Amino acid sequence: MVKKAYTSLGTVTAQQVRAARAWLDLSQDDLAEKTGITRRAIQDFENGKRTPQPRTLRDFRNALEELGIEFLFVEERAVGICARGPEK
C-alpha cells in the first residue's frame, strides 16, 4: 500500500472547523468574533444545516490557520487537522 502525502489543498469541512475550535478551546462566539461570521451561521454549518459560501469557508480557514491550525487533505479530501509547525 502506498501512503499518500498530506496537502493543504482542499475545502475545509464542518468536522475540521469543529475540531480546530476544540483544539484551540474556542467557542462558536469566539470564532464568530474572529471572523465576523454569525454564531448561528457557524452553528448551522457545524451541524450540517448550512453550506457556507466559498468566501465564508476561506474566512474560517484563514482565522484558524492564523491561530496555528493546519488543515490536512489527501487528494483534496479532508482528513484532519494538526498544529502548524514553525515556518521555515
PDB file of N, CA and C in Angstrom:
ATOM      1  N   MET A   1       0.840  -1.175   0.000  1.00  0.00           N
ATOM      2  CA  MET A   1       0.000   0.000   0.000  1.00  0.00           C
ATOM      3  C   MET A   1       0.888   1.242   0.000  1.00  0.00           C
ATOM      4  N   VAL A   2       0.599   2.158  -0.885  1.00  0.00           N
ATOM      5  CA  VAL A   2       1.355   3.401  -0.983  1.00  0.00           C
ATOM      6  C   VAL A   2       0.679   4.454  -0.111  1.00  0.00           C
ATOM      7  N   LYS A   3       1.448   5.042   0.779  1.00  0.00           N
ATOM      8  CA  LYS A   3       0.926   6.088   1.647  1.00  0.00           C
ATOM      9  C   LYS A   3       0.903   7.400   0.873  1.00  0.00           C
ATOM     10  N   LYS A   4      -0.231   8.073   0.886  1.00  0.00           N
ATOM     11  CA  LYS A   4      -0.366   9.329   0.153  1.00  0.00           C
ATOM     12  C   LYS A   4      -0.003  10.490   1.055  1.00  0.00           C
ATOM     13  N   ALA A   5       0.638  11.468   0.471  1.00  0.00           N
ATOM     14  CA  ALA A   5       1.096  12.634   1.229  1.00  0.00           C
ATOM     15  C   ALA A   5      -0.056  13.591   1.523  1.00  0.00           C
ATOM     16  N   TYR A   6       0.021  14.199   2.688  1.00  0.00           N
ATOM     17  CA  TYR A   6      -0.936  15.239   3.035  1.00  0.00           C
ATOM     18  C   TYR A   6      -0.628  16.492   2.229  1.00  0.00           C
ATOM     19  N   THR A   7      -1.689  17.228   1.887  1.00  0.00           N
ATOM     20  CA  THR A   7      -1.518  18.522   1.231  1.00  0.00           C
ATOM     21  C   THR A   7      -2.386  19.539   1.958  1.00  0.00           C
ATOM     22  N   SER A   8      -2.225  20.784   1.570  1.00  0.00           N
ATOM     23  CA  SER A   8      -3.076  21.838   2.130  1.00  0.00           C
ATOM     24  C   SER A   8      -4.159  22.237   1.132  1.00  0.00           C
ATOM     25  N   LEU A   9      -4.266  21.488   0.043  1.00  0.00           N
ATOM     26  CA  LEU A   9      -5.250  21.796  -0.992  1.00  0.00           C
ATOM     27  C   LEU A   9      -6.557  21.080  -0.712  1.00  0.00           C
ATOM     28  N   GLY A  10      -7.597  21.864  -0.488  1.00  0.00           N
ATOM     29  CA  GLY A  10      -8.906  21.291  -0.233  1.00  0.00           C
ATOM     30  C   GLY A  10      -9.808  22.315   0.418  1.00  0.00           C
ATOM     31  N   THR A  11     -11.043  21.951   0.602  1.00  0.00           N
ATOM     32  CA  THR A  11     -12.035  22.819   1.227  1.00  0.00           C
ATOM     33  C   THR A  11     -12.296  22.324   2.634  1.00  0.00           C
ATOM     34  N   VAL A  12     -12.198  23.226   3.599  1.00  0.00           N
ATOM     35  CA  VAL A  12     -12.411  22.826   4.992  1.00  0.00           C
ATOM     36  C   VAL A  12     -13.829  22.325   5.193  1.00  0.00           C
ATOM     37  N   THR A  13     -13.950  21.382   6.097  1.00  0.00           N
ATOM     38  CA  THR A  13     -15.247  20.794   6.408  1.00  0.00           C
ATOM     39  C   THR A  13     -15.720  21.242   7.791  1.00  0.00           C
ATOM     40  N   ALA A  14     -16.981  20.989   8.056  1.00  0.00           N
ATOM     41  CA  ALA A  14     -17.540  21.301   9.365  1.00  0.00           C
ATOM     42  C   ALA A  14     -16.802  20.541  10.457  1.00  0.00           C
ATOM     43  N   GLN A  15     -16.450  19.294  10.195  1.00  0.00           N
ATOM     44  CA  GLN A  15     -15.741  18.491  11.182  1.00  0.00           C
ATOM     45  C   GLN A  15     -14.369  19.088  11.489  1.00  0.00           C
ATOM     46  N   GLN A  16     -13.681  19.577  10.466  1.00  0.00           N
ATOM     47  CA  GLN A  16     -12.376  20.188  10.689  1.00  0.00           C
ATOM     48  C   GLN A  16     -12.502  21.485  11.487  1.00  0.00           C
ATOM     49  N   VAL A  17     -13.492  22.292  11.157  1.00  0.00           N
ATOM     50  CA  VAL A  17     -13.689  23.554  11.886  1.00  0.00           C
ATOM     51  C   VAL A  17     -14.030  23.264  13.345  1.00  0.00           C
ATOM     52  N   ARG A  18     -14.913  22.319  13.582  1.00  0.00           N
ATOM     53  CA  ARG A  18     -15.297  21.956  14.949  1.00  0.00           C
ATOM     54  C   ARG A  18     -14.081  21.412  15.710  1.00  0.00           C
ATOM     55  N   ALA A  19     -13.285  20.559  15.071  1.00  0.00           N
ATOM     56  CA  ALA A  19     -12.089  20.002  15.714  1.00  0.00           C
ATOM     57  C   ALA A  19     -11.065  21.103  16.006  1.00  0.00           C
ATOM     58  N   ALA A  20     -10.897  22.023  15.066  1.00  0.00           N
ATOM     59  CA  ALA A  20      -9.945  23.125  15.262  1.00  0.00           C
ATOM     60  C   ALA A  20     -10.379  24.002  16.430  1.00  0.00           C
ATOM     61  N   ARG A  21     -11.663  24.286  16.507  1.00  0.00           N
ATOM     62  CA  ARG A  21     -12.161  25.087  17.637  1.00  0.00           C
ATOM     63  C   ARG A  21     -11.890  24.380  18.952  1.00  0.00           C
ATOM     64  N   ALA A  22     -12.150  23.070  18.976  1.00  0.00           N
ATOM     65  CA  ALA A  22     -11.932  22.298  20.205  1.00  0.00           C
ATOM     66  C   ALA A  22     -10.446  22.309  20.573  1.00  0.00           C
ATOM     67  N   TRP A  23      -9.584  22.091  19.596  1.00  0.00           N
ATOM     68  CA  TRP A  23      -8.145  22.060  19.843  1.00  0.00           C
ATOM     69  C   TRP A  23      -7.689  23.393  20.442  1.00  0.00           C
ATOM     70  N   LEU A  24      -8.224  24.475  19.906  1.00  0.00           N
ATOM     71  CA  LEU A  24      -7.824  25.819  20.347  1.00  0.00           C
ATOM     72  C   LEU A  24      -8.644  26.317  21.538  1.00  0.00           C
ATOM     73  N   ASP A  25      -9.605  25.534  21.977  1.00  0.00           N
ATOM     74  CA  ASP A  25     -10.515  25.910  23.062  1.00  0.00           C
ATOM     75  C   ASP A  25     -11.249  27.213  22.729  1.00  0.00           C
ATOM     76  N   LEU A  26     -11.767  27.286  21.496  1.00  0.00           N
ATOM     77  CA  LEU A  26     -12.544  28.440  21.037  1.00  0.00           C
ATOM     78  C   LEU A  26     -14.024  28.083  21.028  1.00  0.00           C
ATOM     79  N   SER A  27     -14.840  28.971  21.509  1.00  0.00           N
ATOM     80  CA  SER A  27     -16.284  28.778  21.405  1.00  0.00           C
ATOM     81  C   SER A  27     -16.740  29.240  20.015  1.00  0.00           C
ATOM     82  N   GLN A  28     -17.973  28.940  19.689  1.00  0.00           N
ATOM     83  CA  GLN A  28     -18.526  29.454  18.432  1.00  0.00           C
ATOM     84  C   GLN A  28     -18.559  30.975  18.477  1.00  0.00           C
ATOM     85  N   ASP A  29     -18.837  31.542  19.642  1.00  0.00           N
ATOM     86  CA  ASP A  29     -18.817  33.006  19.780  1.00  0.00           C
ATOM     87  C   ASP A  29     -17.427  33.567  19.523  1.00  0.00           C
ATOM     88  N   ASP A  30     -16.387  32.882  20.023  1.00  0.00           N
ATOM     89  CA  ASP A  30     -15.009  33.333  19.781  1.00  0.00           C
ATOM     90  C   ASP A  30     -14.695  33.342  18.279  1.00  0.00           C
ATOM     91  N   LEU A  31     -15.087  32.258  17.593  1.00  0.00           N
ATOM     92  CA  LEU A  31     -14.826  32.184  16.155  1.00  0.00           C
ATOM     93  C   LEU A  31     -15.640  33.230  15.407  1.00  0.00           C
ATOM     94  N   ALA A  32     -16.858  33.468  15.856  1.00  0.00           N
ATOM     95  CA  ALA A  32     -17.692  34.498  15.230  1.00  0.00           C
ATOM     96  C   ALA A  32     -17.023  35.863  15.341  1.00  0.00           C
ATOM     97  N   GLU A  33     -16.485  36.162  16.511  1.00  0.00           N
ATOM     98  CA  GLU A  33     -15.806  37.441  16.712  1.00  0.00           C
ATOM     99  C   GLU A  33     -14.561  37.548  15.830  1.00  0.00           C
ATOM    100  N   LYS A  34     -13.819  36.453  15.706  1.00  0.00           N
ATOM    101  CA  LYS A  34     -12.584  36.448  14.914  1.00  0.00           C
ATOM    102  C   LYS A  34     -12.860  36.595  13.416  1.00  0.00           C
ATOM    103  N   THR A  35     -14.000  36.048  12.942  1.00  0.00           N
ATOM    104  CA  THR A  35     -14.274  36.017  11.503  1.00  0.00           C
ATOM    105  C   THR A  35     -15.322  37.016  11.031  1.00  0.00           C
ATOM    106  N   GLY A  36     -16.162  37.513  11.938  1.00  0.00           N
ATOM    107  CA  GLY A  36     -17.272  38.365  11.522  1.00  0.00           C
ATOM    108  C   GLY A  36     -18.453  37.573  10.994  1.00  0.00           C
ATOM    109  N   ILE A  37     -18.406  36.256  11.165  1.00  0.00           N
ATOM    110  CA  ILE A  37     -19.493  35.371  10.745  1.00  0.00           C
ATOM    111  C   ILE A  37     -20.358  35.127  11.981  1.00  0.00           C
ATOM    112  N   THR A  38     -21.667  35.123  11.820  1.00  0.00           N
ATOM    113  CA  THR A  38     -22.539  34.977  12.988  1.00  0.00           C
ATOM    114  C   THR A  38     -22.376  33.612  13.644  1.00  0.00           C
ATOM    115  N   ARG A  39     -22.597  33.587  14.951  1.00  0.00           N
ATOM    116  CA  ARG A  39     -22.537  32.331  15.694  1.00  0.00           C
ATOM    117  C   ARG A  39     -23.559  31.345  15.137  1.00  0.00           C
ATOM    118  N   ARG A  40     -24.714  31.841  14.765  1.00  0.00           N
ATOM    119  CA  ARG A  40     -25.765  30.971  14.220  1.00  0.00           C
ATOM    120  C   ARG A  40     -25.303  30.309  12.912  1.00  0.00           C
ATOM    121  N   ALA A  41     -24.628  31.071  12.061  1.00  0.00           N
ATOM    122  CA  ALA A  41     -24.120  30.509  10.805  1.00  0.00           C
ATOM    123  C   ALA A  41     -23.069  29.434  11.081  1.00  0.00           C
ATOM    124  N   ILE A  42     -22.216  29.672  12.074  1.00  0.00           N
ATOM    125  CA  ILE A  42     -21.205  28.684  12.455  1.00  0.00           C
ATOM    126  C   ILE A  42     -21.890  27.428  12.987  1.00  0.00           C
ATOM    127  N   GLN A  43     -22.849  27.628  13.861  1.00  0.00           N
ATOM    128  CA  GLN A  43     -23.594  26.507  14.438  1.00  0.00           C
ATOM    129  C   GLN A  43     -24.295  25.695  13.346  1.00  0.00           C
ATOM    130  N   ASP A  44     -24.965  26.372  12.432  1.00  0.00           N
ATOM    131  CA  ASP A  44     -25.664  25.673  11.351  1.00  0.00           C
ATOM    132  C   ASP A  44     -24.694  24.909  10.459  1.00  0.00           C
ATOM    133  N   PHE A  45     -23.529  25.486  10.156  1.00  0.00           N
ATOM    134  CA  PHE A  45     -22.521  24.812   9.340  1.00  0.00           C
ATOM    135  C   PHE A  45     -22.021  23.562  10.061  1.00  0.00           C
ATOM    136  N   GLU A  46     -21.649  23.703  11.323  1.00  0.00           N
ATOM    137  CA  GLU A  46     -21.111  22.574  12.075  1.00  0.00           C
ATOM    138  C   GLU A  46     -22.142  21.468  12.269  1.00  0.00           C
ATOM    139  N   ASN A  47     -23.415  21.809  12.273  1.00  0.00           N
ATOM    140  CA  ASN A  47     -24.477  20.820  12.430  1.00  0.00           C
ATOM    141  C   ASN A  47     -25.027  20.306  11.102  1.00  0.00           C
ATOM    142  N   GLY A  48     -24.420  20.725   9.997  1.00  0.00           N
ATOM    143  CA  GLY A  48     -24.838  20.238   8.688  1.00  0.00           C
ATOM    144  C   GLY A  48     -26.112  20.851   8.151  1.00  0.00           C
ATOM    145  N   LYS A  49     -26.539  21.973   8.715  1.00  0.00           N
ATOM    146  CA  LYS A  49     -27.770  22.620   8.280  1.00  0.00           C
ATOM    147  C   LYS A  49     -27.532  23.701   7.234  1.00  0.00           C
ATOM    148  N   ARG A  50     -26.287  24.011   6.975  1.00  0.00           N
ATOM    149  CA  ARG A  50     -25.973  25.104   6.054  1.00  0.00           C
ATOM    150  C   ARG A  50     -24.659  24.796   5.342  1.00  0.00           C
ATOM    151  N   THR A  51     -24.616  25.108   4.054  1.00  0.00           N
ATOM    152  CA  THR A  51     -23.379  25.021   3.288  1.00  0.00           C
ATOM    153  C   THR A  51     -22.912  26.443   3.025  1.00  0.00           C
ATOM    154  N   PRO A  52     -21.825  26.845   3.665  1.00  0.00           N
ATOM    155  CA  PRO A  52     -21.360  28.228   3.508  1.00  0.00           C
ATOM    156  C   PRO A  52     -20.847  28.523   2.098  1.00  0.00           C
ATOM    157  N   GLN A  53     -20.831  29.799   1.777  1.00  0.00           N
ATOM    158  CA  GLN A  53     -20.248  30.266   0.534  1.00  0.00           C
ATOM    159  C   GLN A  53     -18.734  30.047   0.598  1.00  0.00           C
ATOM    160  N   PRO A  54     -18.069  29.946  -0.546  1.00  0.00           N
ATOM    161  CA  PRO A  54     -16.612  29.771  -0.548  1.00  0.00           C
ATOM    162  C   PRO A  54     -15.871  30.838   0.263  1.00  0.00           C
ATOM    163  N   ARG A  55     -16.343  32.069   0.222  1.00  0.00           N
ATOM    164  CA  ARG A  55     -15.689  33.136   0.978  1.00  0.00           C
ATOM    165  C   ARG A  55     -15.758  32.868   2.484  1.00  0.00           C
ATOM    166  N   THR A  56     -16.884  32.364   2.952  1.00  0.00           N
ATOM    167  CA  THR A  56     -17.047  32.050   4.370  1.00  0.00           C
ATOM    168  C   THR A  56     -16.112  30.924   4.777  1.00  0.00           C
ATOM    169  N   LEU A  57     -16.007  29.896   3.949  1.00  0.00           N
ATOM    170  CA  LEU A  57     -15.087  28.798   4.228  1.00  0.00           C
ATOM    171  C   LEU A  57     -13.649  29.302   4.277  1.00  0.00           C
ATOM    172  N   ARG A  58     -13.313  30.210   3.378  1.00  0.00           N
ATOM    173  CA  ARG A  58     -11.973  30.804   3.368  1.00  0.00           C
ATOM    174  C   ARG A  58     -11.734  31.593   4.649  1.00  0.00           C
ATOM    175  N   ASP A  59     -12.747  32.328   5.106  1.00  0.00           N
ATOM    176  CA  ASP A  59     -12.610  33.103   6.341  1.00  0.00           C
ATOM    177  C   ASP A  59     -12.408  32.196   7.549  1.00  0.00           C
ATOM    178  N   PHE A  60     -13.139  31.087   7.617  1.00  0.00           N
ATOM    179  CA  PHE A  60     -12.937  30.116   8.691  1.00  0.00           C
ATOM    180  C   PHE A  60     -11.493  29.628   8.671  1.00  0.00           C
ATOM    181  N   ARG A  61     -11.087  29.206   7.497  1.00  0.00           N
ATOM    182  CA  ARG A  61      -9.745  28.624   7.356  1.00  0.00           C
ATOM    183  C   ARG A  61      -8.664  29.625   7.725  1.00  0.00           C
ATOM    184  N   ASN A  62      -8.753  30.836   7.189  1.00  0.00           N
ATOM    185  CA  ASN A  62      -7.740  31.852   7.471  1.00  0.00           C
ATOM    186  C   ASN A  62      -7.646  32.148   8.959  1.00  0.00           C
ATOM    187  N   ALA A  63      -8.784  32.306   9.606  1.00  0.00           N
ATOM    188  CA  ALA A  63      -8.791  32.630  11.032  1.00  0.00           C
ATOM    189  C   ALA A  63      -8.159  31.507  11.852  1.00  0.00           C
ATOM    190  N   LEU A  64      -8.506  30.282  11.553  1.00  0.00           N
ATOM    191  CA  LEU A  64      -7.987  29.154  12.331  1.00  0.00           C
ATOM    192  C   LEU A  64      -6.514  28.891  12.023  1.00  0.00           C
ATOM    193  N   GLU A  65      -6.106  29.120  10.786  1.00  0.00           N
ATOM    194  CA  GLU A  65      -4.690  28.981  10.451  1.00  0.00           C
ATOM    195  C   GLU A  65      -3.852  30.051  11.157  1.00  0.00           C
ATOM    196  N   GLU A  66      -4.383  31.258  11.270  1.00  0.00           N
ATOM    197  CA  GLU A  66      -3.662  32.317  11.991  1.00  0.00           C
ATOM    198  C   GLU A  66      -3.448  31.937  13.453  1.00  0.00           C
ATOM    199  N   LEU A  67      -4.333  31.109  13.977  1.00  0.00           N
ATOM    200  CA  LEU A  67      -4.234  30.673  15.371  1.00  0.00           C
ATOM    201  C   LEU A  67      -3.395  29.402  15.531  1.00  0.00           C
ATOM    202  N   GLY A  68      -2.836  28.899  14.408  1.00  0.00           N
ATOM    203  CA  GLY A  68      -1.893  27.785  14.486  1.00  0.00           C
ATOM    204  C   GLY A  68      -2.385  26.429  14.036  1.00  0.00           C
ATOM    205  N   ILE A  69      -3.537  26.376  13.393  1.00  0.00           N
ATOM    206  CA  ILE A  69      -4.071  25.101  12.902  1.00  0.00           C
ATOM    207  C   ILE A  69      -3.662  24.892  11.451  1.00  0.00           C
ATOM    208  N   GLU A  70      -3.339  23.652  11.115  1.00  0.00           N
ATOM    209  CA  GLU A  70      -3.098  23.280   9.725  1.00  0.00           C
ATOM    210  C   GLU A  70      -4.159  22.262   9.334  1.00  0.00           C
ATOM    211  N   PHE A  71      -4.783  22.480   8.198  1.00  0.00           N
ATOM    212  CA  PHE A  71      -5.817  21.576   7.702  1.00  0.00           C
ATOM    213  C   PHE A  71      -5.158  20.579   6.765  1.00  0.00           C
ATOM    214  N   LEU A  72      -5.495  19.307   6.933  1.00  0.00           N
ATOM    215  CA  LEU A  72      -4.871  18.229   6.163  1.00  0.00           C
ATOM    216  C   LEU A  72      -5.849  17.626   5.168  1.00  0.00           C
ATOM    217  N   PHE A  73      -5.353  17.403   3.965  1.00  0.00           N
ATOM    218  CA  PHE A  73      -6.145  16.831   2.886  1.00  0.00           C
ATOM    219  C   PHE A  73      -5.307  15.785   2.160  1.00  0.00           C
ATOM    220  N   VAL A  74      -5.974  14.794   1.614  1.00  0.00           N
ATOM    221  CA  VAL A  74      -5.362  13.834   0.706  1.00  0.00           C
ATOM    222  C   VAL A  74      -6.214  13.855  -0.550  1.00  0.00           C
ATOM    223  N   GLU A  75      -5.588  14.243  -1.656  1.00  0.00           N
ATOM    224  CA  GLU A  75      -6.309  14.373  -2.925  1.00  0.00           C
ATOM    225  C   GLU A  75      -7.556  15.236  -2.760  1.00  0.00           C
ATOM    226  N   GLU A  76      -7.404  16.351  -2.058  1.00  0.00           N
ATOM    227  CA  GLU A  76      -8.441  17.351  -1.789  1.00  0.00           C
ATOM    228  C   GLU A  76      -9.575  16.850  -0.899  1.00  0.00           C
ATOM    229  N   ARG A  77      -9.418  15.684  -0.301  1.00  0.00           N
ATOM    230  CA  ARG A  77     -10.397  15.153   0.644  1.00  0.00           C
ATOM    231  C   ARG A  77      -9.906  15.443   2.056  1.00  0.00           C
ATOM    232  N   ALA A  78     -10.759  16.064   2.857  1.00  0.00           N
ATOM    233  CA  ALA A  78     -10.383  16.426   4.221  1.00  0.00           C
ATOM    234  C   ALA A  78     -10.103  15.170   5.033  1.00  0.00           C
ATOM    235  N   VAL A  79      -8.953  15.178   5.719  1.00  0.00           N
ATOM    236  CA  VAL A  79      -8.599  14.017   6.544  1.00  0.00           C
ATOM    237  C   VAL A  79      -8.244  14.389   7.985  1.00  0.00           C
ATOM    238  N   GLY A  80      -8.144  15.684   8.304  1.00  0.00           N
ATOM    239  CA  GLY A  80      -7.850  16.039   9.682  1.00  0.00           C
ATOM    240  C   GLY A  80      -7.270  17.427   9.842  1.00  0.00           C
ATOM    241  N   ILE A  81      -6.740  17.649  11.037  1.00  0.00           N
ATOM    242  CA  ILE A  81      -6.070  18.902  11.374  1.00  0.00           C
ATOM    243  C   ILE A  81      -4.838  18.566  12.204  1.00  0.00           C
ATOM    244  N   CYS A  82      -3.946  19.519  12.335  1.00  0.00           N
ATOM    245  CA  CYS A  82      -2.817  19.389  13.257  1.00  0.00           C
ATOM    246  C   CYS A  82      -2.333  20.785  13.606  1.00  0.00           C
ATOM    247  N   ALA A  83      -1.468  20.847  14.614  1.00  0.00           N
ATOM    248  CA  ALA A  83      -0.855  22.120  14.954  1.00  0.00           C
ATOM    249  C   ALA A  83       0.178  22.419  13.884  1.00  0.00           C
ATOM    250  N   ARG A  84       0.178  23.646  13.422  1.00  0.00           N
ATOM    251  CA  ARG A  84       1.130  24.037  12.383  1.00  0.00           C
ATOM    252  C   ARG A  84       2.514  24.161  13.010  1.00  0.00           C
ATOM    253  N   GLY A  85       3.496  23.629  12.347  1.00  0.00           N
ATOM    254  CA  GLY A  85       4.871  23.717  12.823  1.00  0.00           C
ATOM    255  C   GLY A  85       5.443  25.099  12.536  1.00  0.00           C
ATOM    256  N   PRO A  86       6.642  25.350  13.018  1.00  0.00           N
ATOM    257  CA  PRO A  86       7.269  26.654  12.760  1.00  0.00           C
ATOM    258  C   PRO A  86       7.509  26.867  11.271  1.00  0.00           C
ATOM    259  N   GLU A  87       7.342  28.105  10.858  1.00  0.00           N
ATOM    260  CA  GLU A  87       7.583  28.449   9.452  1.00  0.00           C
ATOM    261  C   GLU A  87       9.066  28.326   9.156  1.00  0.00           C
ATOM    262  N   LYS A  88       9.367  27.873   7.977  1.00  0.00           N
ATOM    263  CA  LYS A  88      10.774  27.738   7.546  1.00  0.00           C
ATOM    264  C   LYS A  88      11.185  28.873   6.688  1.00  0.00           C
TER     265      LYS A  88
END
